Protein backbone atom coordinates (compact mmCIF):
# COMPACT_ATOMS: atom_id res chain seq x y z
CA MET A 1 -4.90 -58.18 71.60
CA GLY A 2 -5.96 -56.85 74.99
CA LYS A 3 -9.16 -54.75 75.53
CA ASN A 4 -7.12 -51.45 75.59
CA SER A 5 -4.91 -51.92 72.75
CA ILE A 6 -5.18 -50.12 69.51
CA PRO A 7 -6.32 -52.19 66.61
CA PRO A 8 -3.68 -52.52 63.79
CA ARG A 9 -3.55 -50.01 60.75
CA LEU A 10 -5.47 -51.00 57.85
CA THR A 11 -3.41 -52.31 54.79
CA GLU A 12 -3.20 -49.94 51.72
CA LYS A 13 -5.64 -52.31 49.89
CA GLU A 14 -8.06 -52.13 52.83
CA MET A 15 -7.67 -48.37 52.78
CA GLN A 16 -8.43 -48.01 49.17
CA ALA A 17 -11.43 -50.35 49.39
CA LEU A 18 -12.75 -48.16 52.26
CA ALA A 19 -12.12 -44.84 50.49
CA VAL A 20 -14.02 -46.16 47.36
CA LYS A 21 -17.05 -47.27 49.49
CA THR A 22 -17.08 -43.93 51.43
CA VAL A 23 -16.76 -41.80 48.23
CA GLN A 24 -19.70 -43.89 46.55
CA GLU A 25 -21.83 -43.41 49.67
CA PHE A 26 -21.16 -39.65 49.67
CA VAL A 27 -22.02 -39.23 46.12
CA ASN A 28 -25.14 -41.16 46.67
CA ALA A 29 -26.05 -39.17 49.75
CA CYS A 30 -25.74 -35.89 47.60
CA ASN A 31 -28.48 -37.24 45.25
CA CYS A 32 -26.38 -36.37 42.18
CA LYS A 33 -28.60 -36.40 39.16
CA SER A 34 -25.90 -35.73 36.33
CA ARG A 35 -22.19 -36.02 35.79
CA ASP A 36 -21.85 -32.16 36.76
CA ASP A 37 -23.53 -32.94 40.00
CA ILE A 38 -21.00 -35.71 40.70
CA LEU A 39 -18.00 -33.57 39.72
CA LEU A 40 -19.35 -30.66 42.10
CA ALA A 41 -19.79 -33.23 44.99
CA LEU A 42 -16.26 -34.65 44.42
CA SER A 43 -14.78 -31.04 44.25
CA TYR A 44 -16.12 -30.45 47.77
CA TRP A 45 -14.71 -33.76 48.86
CA LEU A 46 -11.23 -33.12 47.32
CA ASN A 47 -11.21 -29.62 49.13
CA ILE A 48 -12.10 -31.03 52.47
CA GLY A 49 -9.51 -33.80 51.98
CA MET A 50 -6.75 -31.34 51.01
CA SER A 51 -7.64 -29.05 54.07
CA ALA A 52 -7.45 -32.17 56.22
CA GLY A 53 -4.06 -33.07 54.76
CA ASP A 54 -2.90 -29.55 55.47
CA ALA A 55 -4.09 -29.70 59.07
CA VAL A 56 -2.31 -32.92 59.70
CA LYS A 57 0.91 -31.85 57.98
CA TYR A 58 1.15 -28.18 59.22
CA GLY A 59 -1.05 -28.33 62.25
CA LYS A 60 -3.43 -25.84 60.67
CA ALA A 61 -5.69 -25.46 57.62
CA SER A 62 -5.57 -22.78 55.09
CA PRO A 63 -7.99 -21.81 52.27
CA LEU A 64 -7.31 -23.26 48.86
CA GLN A 65 -8.67 -20.17 46.93
């Protein structure tokens, strides 16, 4: 691979492992103290993820509410 070439896409297994690690780091960074705190943090994570998916799919983001 030359110095200007793009690295290959991660495998699905690698993507899943990265996603799990990243979500765990996010929840830990939020200093969640209870199950409700974790669910709140994950609801924000999910909202951002869905908005990002809409931006990629449609070229724009729209509110989910």
